[in-house]
Amino acid sequence: MSRVGLALLSTLSCLLLRAQAVQGPTFYRNVLPILQTHCQSCHRPGEIAPMPFDSYQHTRPFAASIREQTTLRKMPPWFADPCCGRFSNDRSLNTQEIATLAAWAETKAPAGDPTSAPPPLQLTHGWNIAPPDTVFAMPKPKLIPASGDVPYQYIILPTHFKEDR
């Protein structure tokens, strides 16, 4: 084999090894789908979580914290006991998803190819559950002290229902 052939083979081998080294999880291909399914309902601008996970730039600084909190199963929060059935709104991560997030953080949180990202979610802003059937208003304001005990009390609200509900 000629020197040119050996150089070309060597270069191709190096490129192949480098490509294989990047086979670990990347943000766009592996992490973003998990965040969309389990985290972005809260981790987005204007919602309850303190930081958005809607882009690589917003998420990357929290990679180690994401690994820690998901490994400890503190995030996403879910307090129902799994012994008692399955719940349609359970955002808990499975073992594979936790391992993916941990591996991503441990490999210095690579971005990967943005073209492999899933399409952005179309999430509702503000109140995102069905409107209540009825809203009741207090007949007069009830003052609650800033500290101390509040004795139990019955507050009767007029419903104006014509039948039992």
C-alpha atoms as a PDB file:
ATOM      1  CA  MET A   1       0.000   0.000   0.000  1.00  0.00           C
ATOM      2  CA  SER A   2       1.342   3.439  -0.890  1.00  0.00           C
ATOM      3  CA  ARG A   3       2.106   6.239   1.572  1.00  0.00           C
ATOM      4  CA  VAL A   4      -0.911   8.190   0.288  1.00  0.00           C
ATOM      5  CA  GLY A   5      -3.129   5.152   0.790  1.00  0.00           C
ATOM      6  CA  LEU A   6      -1.820   4.655   4.340  1.00  0.00           C
ATOM      7  CA  ALA A   7      -2.278   8.348   5.143  1.00  0.00           C
ATOM      8  CA  LEU A   8      -5.828   8.254   3.805  1.00  0.00           C
ATOM      9  CA  LEU A   9      -6.606   5.069   5.737  1.00  0.00           C
ATOM     10  CA  SER A  10      -5.121   6.577   8.900  1.00  0.00           C
ATOM     11  CA  THR A  11      -7.164   9.768   8.482  1.00  0.00           C
ATOM     12  CA  LEU A  12     -10.369   7.807   7.870  1.00  0.00           C
ATOM     13  CA  SER A  13      -9.673   5.653  10.927  1.00  0.00           C
ATOM     14  CA  CYS A  14      -9.204   8.741  13.089  1.00  0.00           C
ATOM     15  CA  LEU A  15     -12.441  10.265  11.788  1.00  0.00           C
ATOM     16  CA  LEU A  16     -14.313   7.025  12.442  1.00  0.00           C
ATOM     17  CA  LEU A  17     -12.963   6.818  15.998  1.00  0.00           C
ATOM     18  CA  ARG A  18     -13.893  10.450  16.617  1.00  0.00           C
ATOM     19  CA  ALA A  19     -17.415   9.849  15.278  1.00  0.00           C
ATOM     20  CA  GLN A  20     -17.771   6.801  17.520  1.00  0.00           C
ATOM     21  CA  ALA A  21     -16.602   8.832  20.527  1.00  0.00           C
ATOM     22  CA  VAL A  22     -19.515  11.242  19.955  1.00  0.00           C
ATOM     23  CA  GLN A  23     -21.999   8.366  20.009  1.00  0.00           C
ATOM     24  CA  GLY A  24     -22.909   9.176  23.623  1.00  0.00           C
ATOM     25  CA  PRO A  25     -26.053  11.148  24.365  1.00  0.00           C
ATOM     26  CA  THR A  26     -26.318  14.648  22.945  1.00  0.00           C
ATOM     27  CA  PHE A  27     -28.712  17.414  23.861  1.00  0.00           C
ATOM     28  CA  TYR A  28     -30.621  17.614  20.594  1.00  0.00           C
ATOM     29  CA  ARG A  29     -30.881  13.889  19.866  1.00  0.00           C
ATOM     30  CA  ASN A  30     -31.339  12.388  23.366  1.00  0.00           C
ATOM     31  CA  VAL A  31     -31.833  14.968  26.116  1.00  0.00           C
ATOM     32  CA  LEU A  32     -34.292  17.417  24.563  1.00  0.00           C
ATOM     33  CA  PRO A  33     -36.977  14.748  23.950  1.00  0.00           C
ATOM     34  CA  ILE A  34     -36.779  13.781  27.643  1.00  0.00           C
ATOM     35  CA  LEU A  35     -37.014  17.421  28.726  1.00  0.00           C
ATOM     36  CA  GLN A  36     -40.006  17.984  26.461  1.00  0.00           C
ATOM     37  CA  THR A  37     -41.857  14.976  27.840  1.00  0.00           C
ATOM     38  CA  HIS A  38     -41.056  15.370  31.525  1.00  0.00           C
ATOM     39  CA  CYS A  39     -39.740  18.860  32.308  1.00  0.00           C
ATOM     40  CA  GLN A  40     -40.789  21.660  29.984  1.00  0.00           C
ATOM     41  CA  SER A  41     -44.321  21.961  31.326  1.00  0.00           C
ATOM     42  CA  CYS A  42     -42.695  23.675  34.333  1.00  0.00           C
ATOM     43  CA  HIS A  43     -39.184  24.518  33.020  1.00  0.00           C
ATOM     44  CA  ARG A  44     -40.101  27.226  30.504  1.00  0.00           C
ATOM     45  CA  PRO A  45     -40.462  30.993  30.640  1.00  0.00           C
ATOM     46  CA  GLY A  46     -43.391  32.177  32.726  1.00  0.00           C
ATOM     47  CA  GLU A  47     -43.940  28.894  34.575  1.00  0.00           C
ATOM     48  CA  ILE A  48     -43.145  27.717  38.113  1.00  0.00           C
ATOM     49  CA  ALA A  49     -39.596  26.369  37.636  1.00  0.00           C
ATOM     50  CA  PRO A  50     -36.766  28.859  38.200  1.00  0.00           C
ATOM     51  CA  MET A  51     -34.960  28.153  34.904  1.00  0.00           C
ATOM     52  CA  PRO A  52     -36.098  27.214  31.398  1.00  0.00           C
ATOM     53  CA  PHE A  53     -34.936  24.019  29.695  1.00  0.00           C
ATOM     54  CA  ASP A  54     -36.155  25.097  26.279  1.00  0.00           C
ATOM     55  CA  SER A  55     -32.780  25.437  24.546  1.00  0.00           C
ATOM     56  CA  TYR A  56     -29.261  24.062  24.753  1.00  0.00           C
ATOM     57  CA  GLN A  57     -27.954  27.456  25.900  1.00  0.00           C
ATOM     58  CA  HIS A  58     -30.455  27.580  28.774  1.00  0.00           C
ATOM     59  CA  THR A  59     -30.032  23.921  29.777  1.00  0.00           C
ATOM     60  CA  ARG A  60     -26.274  23.316  29.472  1.00  0.00           C
ATOM     61  CA  PRO A  61     -25.287  25.240  32.647  1.00  0.00           C
ATOM     62  CA  PHE A  62     -27.561  22.942  34.682  1.00  0.00           C
ATOM     63  CA  ALA A  63     -26.324  19.591  33.317  1.00  0.00           C
ATOM     64  CA  ALA A  64     -24.678  18.482  36.583  1.00  0.00           C
ATOM     65  CA  SER A  65     -27.679  19.588  38.621  1.00  0.00           C
ATOM     66  CA  ILE A  66     -30.054  17.777  36.260  1.00  0.00           C
ATOM     67  CA  ARG A  67     -27.983  14.609  36.700  1.00  0.00           C
ATOM     68  CA  GLU A  68     -28.032  14.946  40.489  1.00  0.00           C
ATOM     69  CA  GLN A  69     -31.710  15.827  40.871  1.00  0.00           C
ATOM     70  CA  THR A  70     -32.957  13.142  38.487  1.00  0.00           C
ATOM     71  CA  THR A  71     -30.673  10.463  39.927  1.00  0.00           C
ATOM     72  CA  LEU A  72     -32.032  11.249  43.395  1.00  0.00           C
ATOM     73  CA  ARG A  73     -35.543  11.249  41.859  1.00  0.00           C
ATOM     74  CA  LYS A  74     -36.220  14.724  43.222  1.00  0.00           C
ATOM     75  CA  MET A  75     -37.012  15.885  39.696  1.00  0.00           C
ATOM     76  CA  PRO A  76     -39.425  15.786  38.170  1.00  0.00           C
ATOM     77  CA  PRO A  77     -41.456  15.954  41.370  1.00  0.00           C
ATOM     78  CA  TRP A  78     -43.957  13.150  41.782  1.00  0.00           C
ATOM     79  CA  PHE A  79     -45.317  12.255  45.191  1.00  0.00           C
ATOM     80  CA  ALA A  80     -47.881   9.563  44.433  1.00  0.00           C
ATOM     81  CA  ASP A  81     -46.869   6.131  45.683  1.00  0.00           C
ATOM     82  CA  PRO A  82     -46.202   3.808  42.714  1.00  0.00           C
ATOM     83  CA  CYS A  83     -47.675   0.931  44.745  1.00  0.00           C
ATOM     84  CA  CYS A  84     -51.144   2.313  44.129  1.00  0.00           C
ATOM     85  CA  GLY A  85     -51.431   2.210  40.345  1.00  0.00           C
ATOM     86  CA  ARG A  86     -50.489   4.228  37.288  1.00  0.00           C
ATOM     87  CA  PHE A  87     -51.428   7.863  36.828  1.00  0.00           C
ATOM     88  CA  SER A  88     -52.028   9.576  33.496  1.00  0.00           C
ATOM     89  CA  ASN A  89     -50.144  12.717  34.575  1.00  0.00           C
ATOM     90  CA  ASP A  90     -47.081  10.946  36.024  1.00  0.00           C
ATOM     91  CA  ARG A  91     -43.967  12.751  34.724  1.00  0.00           C
ATOM     92  CA  SER A  92     -41.512  10.422  36.488  1.00  0.00           C
ATOM     93  CA  LEU A  93     -38.432   9.376  34.558  1.00  0.00           C
ATOM     94  CA  ASN A  94     -37.691   5.741  33.872  1.00  0.00           C
ATOM     95  CA  THR A  95     -34.286   4.219  34.583  1.00  0.00           C
ATOM     96  CA  GLN A  96     -33.095   4.588  30.966  1.00  0.00           C
ATOM     97  CA  GLU A  97     -34.032   8.290  30.841  1.00  0.00           C
ATOM     98  CA  ILE A  98     -32.171   8.956  34.094  1.00  0.00           C
ATOM     99  CA  ALA A  99     -29.127   7.089  32.744  1.00  0.00           C
ATOM    100  CA  THR A 100     -29.251   9.146  29.525  1.00  0.00           C
ATOM    101  CA  LEU A 101     -29.324  12.450  31.437  1.00  0.00           C
ATOM    102  CA  ALA A 102     -26.488  11.294  33.701  1.00  0.00           C
ATOM    103  CA  ALA A 103     -24.332  10.133  30.770  1.00  0.00           C
ATOM    104  CA  TRP A 104     -24.951  13.437  28.968  1.00  0.00           C
ATOM    105  CA  ALA A 105     -23.782  15.418  32.004  1.00  0.00           C
ATOM    106  CA  GLU A 106     -20.787  13.152  32.574  1.00  0.00           C
ATOM    107  CA  THR A 107     -19.610  13.622  28.978  1.00  0.00           C
ATOM    108  CA  LYS A 108     -19.557  17.414  29.392  1.00  0.00           C
ATOM    109  CA  ALA A 109     -23.086  17.896  28.002  1.00  0.00           C
ATOM    110  CA  PRO A 110     -22.465  17.919  24.234  1.00  0.00           C
ATOM    111  CA  ALA A 111     -24.977  19.773  22.064  1.00  0.00           C
ATOM    112  CA  GLY A 112     -24.905  17.442  19.083  1.00  0.00           C
ATOM    113  CA  ASP A 113     -26.544  18.224  15.766  1.00  0.00           C
ATOM    114  CA  PRO A 114     -29.421  20.756  16.037  1.00  0.00           C
ATOM    115  CA  THR A 115     -31.095  19.165  13.016  1.00  0.00           C
ATOM    116  CA  SER A 116     -31.708  16.013  15.078  1.00  0.00           C
ATOM    117  CA  ALA A 117     -33.873  17.951  17.569  1.00  0.00           C
ATOM    118  CA  PRO A 118     -37.560  17.142  17.794  1.00  0.00           C
ATOM    119  CA  PRO A 119     -39.923  19.974  16.846  1.00  0.00           C
ATOM    120  CA  PRO A 120     -40.622  22.401  19.706  1.00  0.00           C
ATOM    121  CA  LEU A 121     -43.662  21.669  21.819  1.00  0.00           C
ATOM    122  CA  GLN A 122     -46.703  23.904  21.507  1.00  0.00           C
ATOM    123  CA  LEU A 123     -47.496  24.428  25.196  1.00  0.00           C
ATOM    124  CA  THR A 124     -50.338  26.433  26.676  1.00  0.00           C
ATOM    125  CA  HIS A 125     -49.268  29.506  28.606  1.00  0.00           C
ATOM    126  CA  GLY A 126     -50.945  30.398  31.885  1.00  0.00           C
ATOM    127  CA  TRP A 127     -53.833  28.292  33.177  1.00  0.00           C
ATOM    128  CA  ASN A 128     -53.394  24.962  31.419  1.00  0.00           C
ATOM    129  CA  ILE A 129     -56.089  22.746  32.863  1.00  0.00           C
ATOM    130  CA  ALA A 130     -59.745  22.693  31.906  1.00  0.00           C
ATOM    131  CA  PRO A 131     -61.787  25.608  33.256  1.00  0.00           C
ATOM    132  CA  PRO A 132     -63.744  24.789  36.427  1.00  0.00           C
ATOM    133  CA  ASP A 133     -67.436  23.965  36.127  1.00  0.00           C
ATOM    134  CA  THR A 134     -68.315  26.644  38.656  1.00  0.00           C
ATOM    135  CA  VAL A 135     -66.503  29.378  40.541  1.00  0.00           C
ATOM    136  CA  PHE A 136     -67.741  30.463  43.969  1.00  0.00           C
ATOM    137  CA  ALA A 137     -67.060  33.875  45.435  1.00  0.00           C
ATOM    138  CA  MET A 138     -66.646  34.606  49.123  1.00  0.00           C
ATOM    139  CA  PRO A 139     -69.515  36.772  50.402  1.00  0.00           C
ATOM    140  CA  LYS A 140     -66.976  38.894  52.248  1.00  0.00           C
ATOM    141  CA  PRO A 141     -63.175  38.718  52.566  1.00  0.00           C
ATOM    142  CA  LYS A 142     -61.779  36.450  55.260  1.00  0.00           C
ATOM    143  CA  LEU A 143     -58.661  37.813  56.934  1.00  0.00           C
ATOM    144  CA  ILE A 144     -55.931  35.248  57.585  1.00  0.00           C
ATOM    145  CA  PRO A 145     -53.218  36.290  60.057  1.00  0.00           C
ATOM    146  CA  ALA A 146     -49.637  36.335  58.775  1.00  0.00           C
ATOM    147  CA  SER A 147     -48.548  33.984  61.565  1.00  0.00           C
ATOM    148  CA  GLY A 148     -50.034  31.847  64.294  1.00  0.00           C
ATOM    149  CA  ASP A 149     -52.781  29.272  64.339  1.00  0.00           C
ATOM    150  CA  VAL A 150     -56.069  29.738  62.563  1.00  0.00           C
ATOM    151  CA  PRO A 151     -58.928  27.976  64.321  1.00  0.00           C
ATOM    152  CA  TYR A 152     -60.945  25.626  62.154  1.00  0.00           C
ATOM    153  CA  GLN A 153     -64.126  27.236  60.938  1.00  0.00           C
ATOM    154  CA  TYR A 154     -66.999  26.617  58.574  1.00  0.00           C
ATOM    155  CA  ILE A 155     -67.500  29.208  55.873  1.00  0.00           C
ATOM    156  CA  ILE A 156     -70.793  28.820  54.071  1.00  0.00           C
ATOM    157  CA  LEU A 157     -70.791  29.852  50.414  1.00  0.00           C
ATOM    158  CA  PRO A 158     -74.052  30.291  48.555  1.00  0.00           C
ATOM    159  CA  THR A 159     -74.101  28.023  45.498  1.00  0.00           C
ATOM    160  CA  HIS A 160     -77.552  28.875  44.166  1.00  0.00           C
ATOM    161  CA  PHE A 161     -77.863  25.274  42.962  1.00  0.00           C
ATOM    162  CA  LYS A 162     -81.428  24.093  42.368  1.00  0.00           C
ATOM    163  CA  GLU A 163     -80.490  20.458  43.112  1.00  0.00           C
ATOM    164  CA  ASP A 164     -77.818  18.525  44.979  1.00  0.00           C
ATOM    165  CA  ARG A 165     -74.404  18.423  43.331  1.00  0.00           C
END
